[in-house]
Amino acid sequence: MSAWPPDDLPERFDDIVGILEMRYGPRPFTPNGDPTRTLVRTILSQSTNDRNSSAAFAALSDAFPTWTEVIEAPVSEVAAAIQIGGLANQKAPRLQQVLRTMRDEEVTAATLGAMPVDTAMVWLTSMEGVGPKTAALVLLFALGKPVMPVDTHIARVMTRLGMVPDRTGTVTKQRILTNLIGDDAASIYAVHVETIDHGRTICHARRPLCAACPLQDLCDYYTQVSSPWAR
């Protein structure tokens, strides 16, 4: 990989965003307004696929129609309800504690939305099982806060492109990408979902489809692997 940051970082990033938008967009954005529901769904999505996490959320909702019922149920019953999502014995007590904390501290969409982004991130990540990616997803998807969630696809794609430095943590990557995009939540959302699509369809962790990639000319990784010296 080339040295980071490149002198033309903002210009290259804008070009990348434009190509992603042409390939995978447009992506209209409307925050759902429900941080509690978003937080629960995000915790259930950890270490599983979308189909299983959606099934786990549906099963949880069927078994416990209200969050109070989730909090007050035996942890074994919550774990049984979300079993299809995997790691149920870890996720069940975390879900109960997160929901209990939000209830006891009277944190709602209004109170969380009134916090500055940094304050809301600190508050959310103070709870067990809520890392920076999960917190950022809640703030962006539920409340339209301008913060870029970074998952494994985004970290891989943006590192290969040279937009974020290698071997840095999620918080640093989120800060860099948020600063590059700016304070427009709709733009952040578009880059987020379009980059994930690119990671899933072309920029795979193993055997990326570089020959089919529309970002070849902007990619540090492609420049490296296509060099005669790499053969």
C-alpha atoms as a PDB file:
ATOM      1  CA  MET A   1       0.000   0.000   0.000  1.00  0.00           C
ATOM      2  CA  SER A   2       1.156   3.545  -0.660  1.00  0.00           C
ATOM      3  CA  ALA A   3       1.844   6.016   2.122  1.00  0.00           C
ATOM      4  CA  TRP A   4      -1.208   7.494   3.796  1.00  0.00           C
ATOM      5  CA  PRO A   5      -2.653  10.081   3.539  1.00  0.00           C
ATOM      6  CA  PRO A   6      -2.181  10.722  -0.167  1.00  0.00           C
ATOM      7  CA  ASP A   7      -2.004  14.388  -1.155  1.00  0.00           C
ATOM      8  CA  ASP A   8      -5.073  14.036  -3.355  1.00  0.00           C
ATOM      9  CA  LEU A   9      -7.177  12.216  -0.749  1.00  0.00           C
ATOM     10  CA  PRO A  10     -10.299  14.465  -0.900  1.00  0.00           C
ATOM     11  CA  GLU A  11     -10.322  14.543  -4.708  1.00  0.00           C
ATOM     12  CA  ARG A  12      -9.882  10.780  -5.022  1.00  0.00           C
ATOM     13  CA  PHE A  13     -12.562  10.175  -2.422  1.00  0.00           C
ATOM     14  CA  ASP A  14     -15.041  12.349  -4.322  1.00  0.00           C
ATOM     15  CA  ASP A  15     -14.277  10.379  -7.503  1.00  0.00           C
ATOM     16  CA  ILE A  16     -14.807   7.091  -5.650  1.00  0.00           C
ATOM     17  CA  VAL A  17     -18.123   8.268  -4.213  1.00  0.00           C
ATOM     18  CA  GLY A  18     -19.292   9.307  -7.674  1.00  0.00           C
ATOM     19  CA  ILE A  19     -18.480   5.905  -9.151  1.00  0.00           C
ATOM     20  CA  LEU A  20     -20.133   4.046  -6.269  1.00  0.00           C
ATOM     21  CA  GLU A  21     -23.245   6.175  -6.722  1.00  0.00           C
ATOM     22  CA  MET A  22     -23.364   5.422 -10.452  1.00  0.00           C
ATOM     23  CA  ARG A  23     -22.901   1.692  -9.859  1.00  0.00           C
ATOM     24  CA  TYR A  24     -25.057   1.097  -6.775  1.00  0.00           C
ATOM     25  CA  GLY A  25     -27.200   4.183  -6.249  1.00  0.00           C
ATOM     26  CA  PRO A  26     -29.284   6.136  -5.769  1.00  0.00           C
ATOM     27  CA  ARG A  27     -30.048   5.335  -2.133  1.00  0.00           C
ATOM     28  CA  PRO A  28     -32.822   7.513  -0.681  1.00  0.00           C
ATOM     29  CA  PHE A  29     -32.543   7.933   3.072  1.00  0.00           C
ATOM     30  CA  THR A  30     -35.186   8.356   5.747  1.00  0.00           C
ATOM     31  CA  PRO A  31     -34.168   7.796   9.397  1.00  0.00           C
ATOM     32  CA  ASN A  32     -36.537   5.368  11.098  1.00  0.00           C
ATOM     33  CA  GLY A  33     -36.786   7.433  14.315  1.00  0.00           C
ATOM     34  CA  ASP A  34     -36.558   4.411  16.626  1.00  0.00           C
ATOM     35  CA  PRO A  35     -33.117   4.016  18.256  1.00  0.00           C
ATOM     36  CA  THR A  36     -34.254   1.234  20.589  1.00  0.00           C
ATOM     37  CA  ARG A  37     -35.534  -0.977  17.780  1.00  0.00           C
ATOM     38  CA  THR A  38     -32.437  -0.201  15.701  1.00  0.00           C
ATOM     39  CA  LEU A  39     -30.130  -1.037  18.602  1.00  0.00           C
ATOM     40  CA  VAL A  40     -31.851  -4.360  19.233  1.00  0.00           C
ATOM     41  CA  ARG A  41     -31.741  -5.292  15.542  1.00  0.00           C
ATOM     42  CA  THR A  42     -28.084  -4.346  15.309  1.00  0.00           C
ATOM     43  CA  ILE A  43     -27.088  -6.421  18.339  1.00  0.00           C
ATOM     44  CA  LEU A  44     -28.970  -9.371  16.855  1.00  0.00           C
ATOM     45  CA  SER A  45     -27.115  -8.889  13.551  1.00  0.00           C
ATOM     46  CA  GLN A  46     -23.699  -9.313  15.131  1.00  0.00           C
ATOM     47  CA  SER A  47     -21.792 -12.370  13.865  1.00  0.00           C
ATOM     48  CA  THR A  48     -24.620 -13.623  11.657  1.00  0.00           C
ATOM     49  CA  ASN A  49     -26.229 -12.929   8.295  1.00  0.00           C
ATOM     50  CA  ASP A  50     -29.162 -10.658   7.504  1.00  0.00           C
ATOM     51  CA  ARG A  51     -31.637 -13.511   7.076  1.00  0.00           C
ATOM     52  CA  ASN A  52     -30.905 -15.048  10.468  1.00  0.00           C
ATOM     53  CA  SER A  53     -30.840 -11.723  12.307  1.00  0.00           C
ATOM     54  CA  SER A  54     -34.198 -10.736  10.792  1.00  0.00           C
ATOM     55  CA  ALA A  55     -35.647 -14.098  11.809  1.00  0.00           C
ATOM     56  CA  ALA A  56     -34.289 -13.635  15.343  1.00  0.00           C
ATOM     57  CA  PHE A  57     -35.856 -10.184  15.623  1.00  0.00           C
ATOM     58  CA  ALA A  58     -39.200 -11.483  14.358  1.00  0.00           C
ATOM     59  CA  ALA A  59     -39.096 -14.357  16.844  1.00  0.00           C
ATOM     60  CA  LEU A  60     -38.218 -11.989  19.687  1.00  0.00           C
ATOM     61  CA  SER A  61     -41.101  -9.685  18.768  1.00  0.00           C
ATOM     62  CA  ASP A  62     -43.530 -12.608  18.587  1.00  0.00           C
ATOM     63  CA  ALA A  63     -42.458 -13.957  21.966  1.00  0.00           C
ATOM     64  CA  PHE A  64     -42.296 -10.574  23.736  1.00  0.00           C
ATOM     65  CA  PRO A  65     -44.503  -7.861  22.181  1.00  0.00           C
ATOM     66  CA  THR A  66     -43.032  -5.077  24.357  1.00  0.00           C
ATOM     67  CA  TRP A  67     -39.513  -4.153  25.469  1.00  0.00           C
ATOM     68  CA  THR A  68     -40.650  -4.372  29.091  1.00  0.00           C
ATOM     69  CA  GLU A  69     -41.537  -8.006  28.534  1.00  0.00           C
ATOM     70  CA  VAL A  70     -38.070  -8.652  27.108  1.00  0.00           C
ATOM     71  CA  ILE A  71     -36.480  -7.024  30.164  1.00  0.00           C
ATOM     72  CA  GLU A  72     -38.569  -8.954  32.672  1.00  0.00           C
ATOM     73  CA  ALA A  73     -38.448 -12.372  30.994  1.00  0.00           C
ATOM     74  CA  PRO A  74     -36.055 -15.085  32.176  1.00  0.00           C
ATOM     75  CA  VAL A  75     -32.856 -14.744  30.199  1.00  0.00           C
ATOM     76  CA  SER A  76     -33.178 -18.355  29.062  1.00  0.00           C
ATOM     77  CA  GLU A  77     -36.492 -17.552  27.365  1.00  0.00           C
ATOM     78  CA  VAL A  78     -35.007 -14.560  25.557  1.00  0.00           C
ATOM     79  CA  ALA A  79     -32.083 -16.728  24.434  1.00  0.00           C
ATOM     80  CA  ALA A  80     -34.475 -19.399  23.172  1.00  0.00           C
ATOM     81  CA  ALA A  81     -36.425 -16.819  21.175  1.00  0.00           C
ATOM     82  CA  ILE A  82     -33.343 -15.453  19.375  1.00  0.00           C
ATOM     83  CA  GLN A  83     -31.500 -18.753  18.981  1.00  0.00           C
ATOM     84  CA  ILE A  84     -31.681 -18.703  15.184  1.00  0.00           C
ATOM     85  CA  GLY A  85     -29.492 -15.579  15.155  1.00  0.00           C
ATOM     86  CA  GLY A  86     -26.559 -17.333  16.828  1.00  0.00           C
ATOM     87  CA  LEU A  87     -24.671 -16.538  20.043  1.00  0.00           C
ATOM     88  CA  ALA A  88     -28.016 -16.399  21.819  1.00  0.00           C
ATOM     89  CA  ASN A  89     -26.565 -16.971  25.283  1.00  0.00           C
ATOM     90  CA  GLN A  90     -24.344 -13.903  24.842  1.00  0.00           C
ATOM     91  CA  LYS A  91     -26.847 -11.671  23.091  1.00  0.00           C
ATOM     92  CA  ALA A  92     -29.832 -12.314  25.377  1.00  0.00           C
ATOM     93  CA  PRO A  93     -28.360 -10.803  28.580  1.00  0.00           C
ATOM     94  CA  ARG A  94     -26.858  -7.948  26.577  1.00  0.00           C
ATOM     95  CA  LEU A  95     -30.220  -7.141  25.034  1.00  0.00           C
ATOM     96  CA  GLN A  96     -31.890  -7.158  28.421  1.00  0.00           C
ATOM     97  CA  GLN A  97     -29.242  -4.917  29.962  1.00  0.00           C
ATOM     98  CA  VAL A  98     -29.282  -2.458  27.062  1.00  0.00           C
ATOM     99  CA  LEU A  99     -33.057  -2.210  27.187  1.00  0.00           C
ATOM    100  CA  ARG A 100     -33.002  -1.875  30.981  1.00  0.00           C
ATOM    101  CA  THR A 101     -30.416   0.915  30.798  1.00  0.00           C
ATOM    102  CA  MET A 102     -32.383   2.844  28.190  1.00  0.00           C
ATOM    103  CA  ARG A 103     -35.554   2.495  30.266  1.00  0.00           C
ATOM    104  CA  ASP A 104     -33.970   3.373  33.615  1.00  0.00           C
ATOM    105  CA  GLU A 105     -32.087   6.381  32.239  1.00  0.00           C
ATOM    106  CA  GLU A 106     -35.135   7.457  30.230  1.00  0.00           C
ATOM    107  CA  VAL A 107     -33.203   7.611  26.983  1.00  0.00           C
ATOM    108  CA  THR A 108     -35.548   8.117  24.049  1.00  0.00           C
ATOM    109  CA  ALA A 109     -35.238   9.212  20.439  1.00  0.00           C
ATOM    110  CA  ALA A 110     -35.682  12.795  21.616  1.00  0.00           C
ATOM    111  CA  THR A 111     -33.027  12.705  24.349  1.00  0.00           C
ATOM    112  CA  LEU A 112     -30.515  10.757  22.293  1.00  0.00           C
ATOM    113  CA  GLY A 113     -31.177  12.943  19.277  1.00  0.00           C
ATOM    114  CA  ALA A 114     -30.524  16.067  21.349  1.00  0.00           C
ATOM    115  CA  MET A 115     -27.036  14.892  22.306  1.00  0.00           C
ATOM    116  CA  PRO A 116     -24.004  15.926  20.256  1.00  0.00           C
ATOM    117  CA  VAL A 117     -22.758  13.011  18.172  1.00  0.00           C
ATOM    118  CA  ASP A 118     -19.628  12.480  20.287  1.00  0.00           C
ATOM    119  CA  THR A 119     -21.663  12.464  23.502  1.00  0.00           C
ATOM    120  CA  ALA A 120     -24.197  10.034  22.072  1.00  0.00           C
ATOM    121  CA  MET A 121     -21.404   7.748  20.877  1.00  0.00           C
ATOM    122  CA  VAL A 122     -19.830   7.703  24.338  1.00  0.00           C
ATOM    123  CA  TRP A 123     -23.176   6.991  25.995  1.00  0.00           C
ATOM    124  CA  LEU A 124     -24.077   4.159  23.643  1.00  0.00           C
ATOM    125  CA  THR A 125     -20.662   2.493  23.714  1.00  0.00           C
ATOM    126  CA  SER A 126     -20.662   2.543  27.522  1.00  0.00           C
ATOM    127  CA  MET A 127     -23.103  -0.382  27.358  1.00  0.00           C
ATOM    128  CA  GLU A 128     -21.748  -3.918  27.024  1.00  0.00           C
ATOM    129  CA  GLY A 129     -22.122  -5.284  23.526  1.00  0.00           C
ATOM    130  CA  VAL A 130     -22.398  -1.849  21.902  1.00  0.00           C
ATOM    131  CA  GLY A 131     -19.245  -1.043  19.966  1.00  0.00           C
ATOM    132  CA  PRO A 132     -18.528   1.986  17.777  1.00  0.00           C
ATOM    133  CA  LYS A 133     -20.034   0.415  14.663  1.00  0.00           C
ATOM    134  CA  THR A 134     -23.269  -0.461  16.453  1.00  0.00           C
ATOM    135  CA  ALA A 135     -23.493   2.990  18.042  1.00  0.00           C
ATOM    136  CA  ALA A 136     -22.886   4.706  14.701  1.00  0.00           C
ATOM    137  CA  LEU A 137     -25.540   2.578  13.011  1.00  0.00           C
ATOM    138  CA  VAL A 138     -28.086   3.592  15.645  1.00  0.00           C
ATOM    139  CA  LEU A 139     -27.260   7.278  15.329  1.00  0.00           C
ATOM    140  CA  LEU A 140     -27.305   7.286  11.527  1.00  0.00           C
ATOM    141  CA  PHE A 141     -30.150   4.895  10.715  1.00  0.00           C
ATOM    142  CA  ALA A 142     -32.481   5.869  13.538  1.00  0.00           C
ATOM    143  CA  LEU A 143     -31.736   9.545  14.099  1.00  0.00           C
ATOM    144  CA  GLY A 144     -30.030  10.793  10.934  1.00  0.00           C
ATOM    145  CA  LYS A 145     -26.880  11.814  12.774  1.00  0.00           C
ATOM    146  CA  PRO A 146     -23.870  12.433  10.499  1.00  0.00           C
ATOM    147  CA  VAL A 147     -21.574   9.584  11.542  1.00  0.00           C
ATOM    148  CA  MET A 148     -20.239   6.848   9.257  1.00  0.00           C
ATOM    149  CA  PRO A 149     -20.611   3.287  10.561  1.00  0.00           C
ATOM    150  CA  VAL A 150     -17.670   1.125   9.489  1.00  0.00           C
ATOM    151  CA  ASP A 151     -18.207  -2.623   9.163  1.00  0.00           C
ATOM    152  CA  THR A 152     -15.782  -5.205   7.797  1.00  0.00           C
ATOM    153  CA  HIS A 153     -16.755  -4.542   4.168  1.00  0.00           C
ATOM    154  CA  ILE A 154     -16.254  -0.787   4.465  1.00  0.00           C
ATOM    155  CA  ALA A 155     -12.999  -1.177   6.357  1.00  0.00           C
ATOM    156  CA  ARG A 156     -11.649  -3.556   3.698  1.00  0.00           C
ATOM    157  CA  VAL A 157     -12.785  -1.539   0.673  1.00  0.00           C
ATOM    158  CA  MET A 158     -11.689   1.845   1.982  1.00  0.00           C
ATOM    159  CA  THR A 159      -8.333   0.511   3.188  1.00  0.00           C
ATOM    160  CA  ARG A 160      -7.596  -1.072  -0.187  1.00  0.00           C
ATOM    161  CA  LEU A 161      -8.553   2.164  -1.913  1.00  0.00           C
ATOM    162  CA  GLY A 162      -6.195   4.069   0.378  1.00  0.00           C
ATOM    163  CA  MET A 163      -8.931   6.213   1.881  1.00  0.00           C
ATOM    164  CA  VAL A 164      -8.176   5.069   5.434  1.00  0.00           C
ATOM    165  CA  PRO A 165      -4.838   3.860   6.815  1.00  0.00           C
ATOM    166  CA  ASP A 166      -4.276   0.179   7.371  1.00  0.00           C
ATOM    167  CA  ARG A 167      -4.182  -1.226  10.909  1.00  0.00           C
ATOM    168  CA  THR A 168      -6.231   1.494  12.532  1.00  0.00           C
ATOM    169  CA  GLY A 169      -9.288   1.010  14.703  1.00  0.00           C
ATOM    170  CA  THR A 170     -12.932   1.426  13.824  1.00  0.00           C
ATOM    171  CA  VAL A 171     -13.250   4.771  15.600  1.00  0.00           C
ATOM    172  CA  THR A 172     -10.403   6.265  13.561  1.00  0.00           C
ATOM    173  CA  LYS A 173     -11.807   4.942  10.294  1.00  0.00           C
ATOM    174  CA  GLN A 174     -15.260   6.283  11.155  1.00  0.00           C
ATOM    175  CA  ARG A 175     -13.833   9.710  11.948  1.00  0.00           C
ATOM    176  CA  ILE A 176     -11.794   9.918   8.736  1.00  0.00           C
ATOM    177  CA  LEU A 177     -14.651   8.830   6.484  1.00  0.00           C
ATOM    178  CA  THR A 178     -17.170  11.075   8.237  1.00  0.00           C
ATOM    179  CA  ASN A 179     -14.838  14.031   7.764  1.00  0.00           C
ATOM    180  CA  LEU A 180     -14.321  13.187   4.086  1.00  0.00           C
ATOM    181  CA  ILE A 181     -18.044  12.942   3.384  1.00  0.00           C
ATOM    182  CA  GLY A 182     -19.134  15.897   5.502  1.00  0.00           C
ATOM    183  CA  ASP A 183     -22.087  16.552   7.779  1.00  0.00           C
ATOM    184  CA  ASP A 184     -24.832  15.377   5.419  1.00  0.00           C
ATOM    185  CA  ALA A 185     -26.389  12.210   6.842  1.00  0.00           C
ATOM    186  CA  ALA A 186     -28.013  11.255   3.518  1.00  0.00           C
ATOM    187  CA  SER A 187     -24.613  11.300   1.812  1.00  0.00           C
ATOM    188  CA  ILE A 188     -23.076   9.261   4.620  1.00  0.00           C
ATOM    189  CA  TYR A 189     -25.875   6.712   4.343  1.00  0.00           C
ATOM    190  CA  ALA A 190     -25.398   6.429   0.572  1.00  0.00           C
ATOM    191  CA  VAL A 191     -21.647   5.881   0.850  1.00  0.00           C
ATOM    192  CA  HIS A 192     -22.202   3.388   3.670  1.00  0.00           C
ATOM    193  CA  VAL A 193     -24.634   1.101   1.840  1.00  0.00           C
ATOM    194  CA  GLU A 194     -22.995   1.479  -1.572  1.00  0.00           C
ATOM    195  CA  THR A 195     -19.565   0.566  -0.196  1.00  0.00           C
ATOM    196  CA  ILE A 196     -21.046  -2.494   1.515  1.00  0.00           C
ATOM    197  CA  ASP A 197     -22.605  -3.533  -1.808  1.00  0.00           C
ATOM    198  CA  HIS A 198     -19.210  -3.146  -3.481  1.00  0.00           C
ATOM    199  CA  GLY A 199     -17.553  -5.245  -0.791  1.00  0.00           C
ATOM    200  CA  ARG A 200     -20.145  -7.980  -1.145  1.00  0.00           C
ATOM    201  CA  THR A 201     -20.191  -8.151  -4.939  1.00  0.00           C
ATOM    202  CA  ILE A 202     -16.640  -7.283  -6.068  1.00  0.00           C
ATOM    203  CA  CYS A 203     -14.130  -6.385  -3.358  1.00  0.00           C
ATOM    204  CA  HIS A 204     -14.247  -9.710  -1.524  1.00  0.00           C
ATOM    205  CA  ALA A 205     -11.962 -10.452   1.383  1.00  0.00           C
ATOM    206  CA  ARG A 206     -10.496 -13.331  -0.607  1.00  0.00           C
ATOM    207  CA  ARG A 207     -10.079 -13.281  -4.363  1.00  0.00           C
ATOM    208  CA  PRO A 208     -11.521  -9.833  -5.060  1.00  0.00           C
ATOM    209  CA  LEU A 209     -12.832  -9.407  -8.601  1.00  0.00           C
ATOM    210  CA  CYS A 210     -10.366  -6.666  -9.483  1.00  0.00           C
ATOM    211  CA  ALA A 211     -10.757  -7.204 -13.222  1.00  0.00           C
ATOM    212  CA  ALA A 212     -14.433  -6.230 -12.953  1.00  0.00           C
ATOM    213  CA  CYS A 213     -13.940  -3.340 -10.527  1.00  0.00           C
ATOM    214  CA  PRO A 214     -14.933   0.171 -11.666  1.00  0.00           C
ATOM    215  CA  LEU A 215     -12.518   1.639  -9.097  1.00  0.00           C
ATOM    216  CA  GLN A 216      -9.326   0.142 -10.534  1.00  0.00           C
ATOM    217  CA  ASP A 217      -7.770   3.482 -11.443  1.00  0.00           C
ATOM    218  CA  LEU A 218      -8.317   4.820  -7.911  1.00  0.00           C
ATOM    219  CA  CYS A 219      -7.267   1.738  -5.951  1.00  0.00           C
ATOM    220  CA  ASP A 220      -3.937   1.341  -4.156  1.00  0.00           C
ATOM    221  CA  TYR A 221      -4.501  -2.397  -3.800  1.00  0.00           C
ATOM    222  CA  TYR A 222      -5.112  -2.879  -7.518  1.00  0.00           C
ATOM    223  CA  THR A 223      -2.030  -0.857  -8.376  1.00  0.00           C
ATOM    224  CA  GLN A 224       0.001  -3.094  -6.078  1.00  0.00           C
ATOM    225  CA  VAL A 225      -1.322  -6.477  -7.221  1.00  0.00           C
ATOM    226  CA  SER A 226      -1.271  -5.574 -10.923  1.00  0.00           C
ATOM    227  CA  SER A 227       2.314  -4.341 -10.838  1.00  0.00           C
ATOM    228  CA  PRO A 228       4.812  -6.512 -12.769  1.00  0.00           C
ATOM    229  CA  TRP A 229       6.824  -6.695  -9.550  1.00  0.00           C
ATOM    230  CA  ALA A 230       3.925  -8.471  -7.830  1.00  0.00           C
ATOM    231  CA  ARG A 231       3.976 -11.355 -10.307  1.00  0.00           C
END
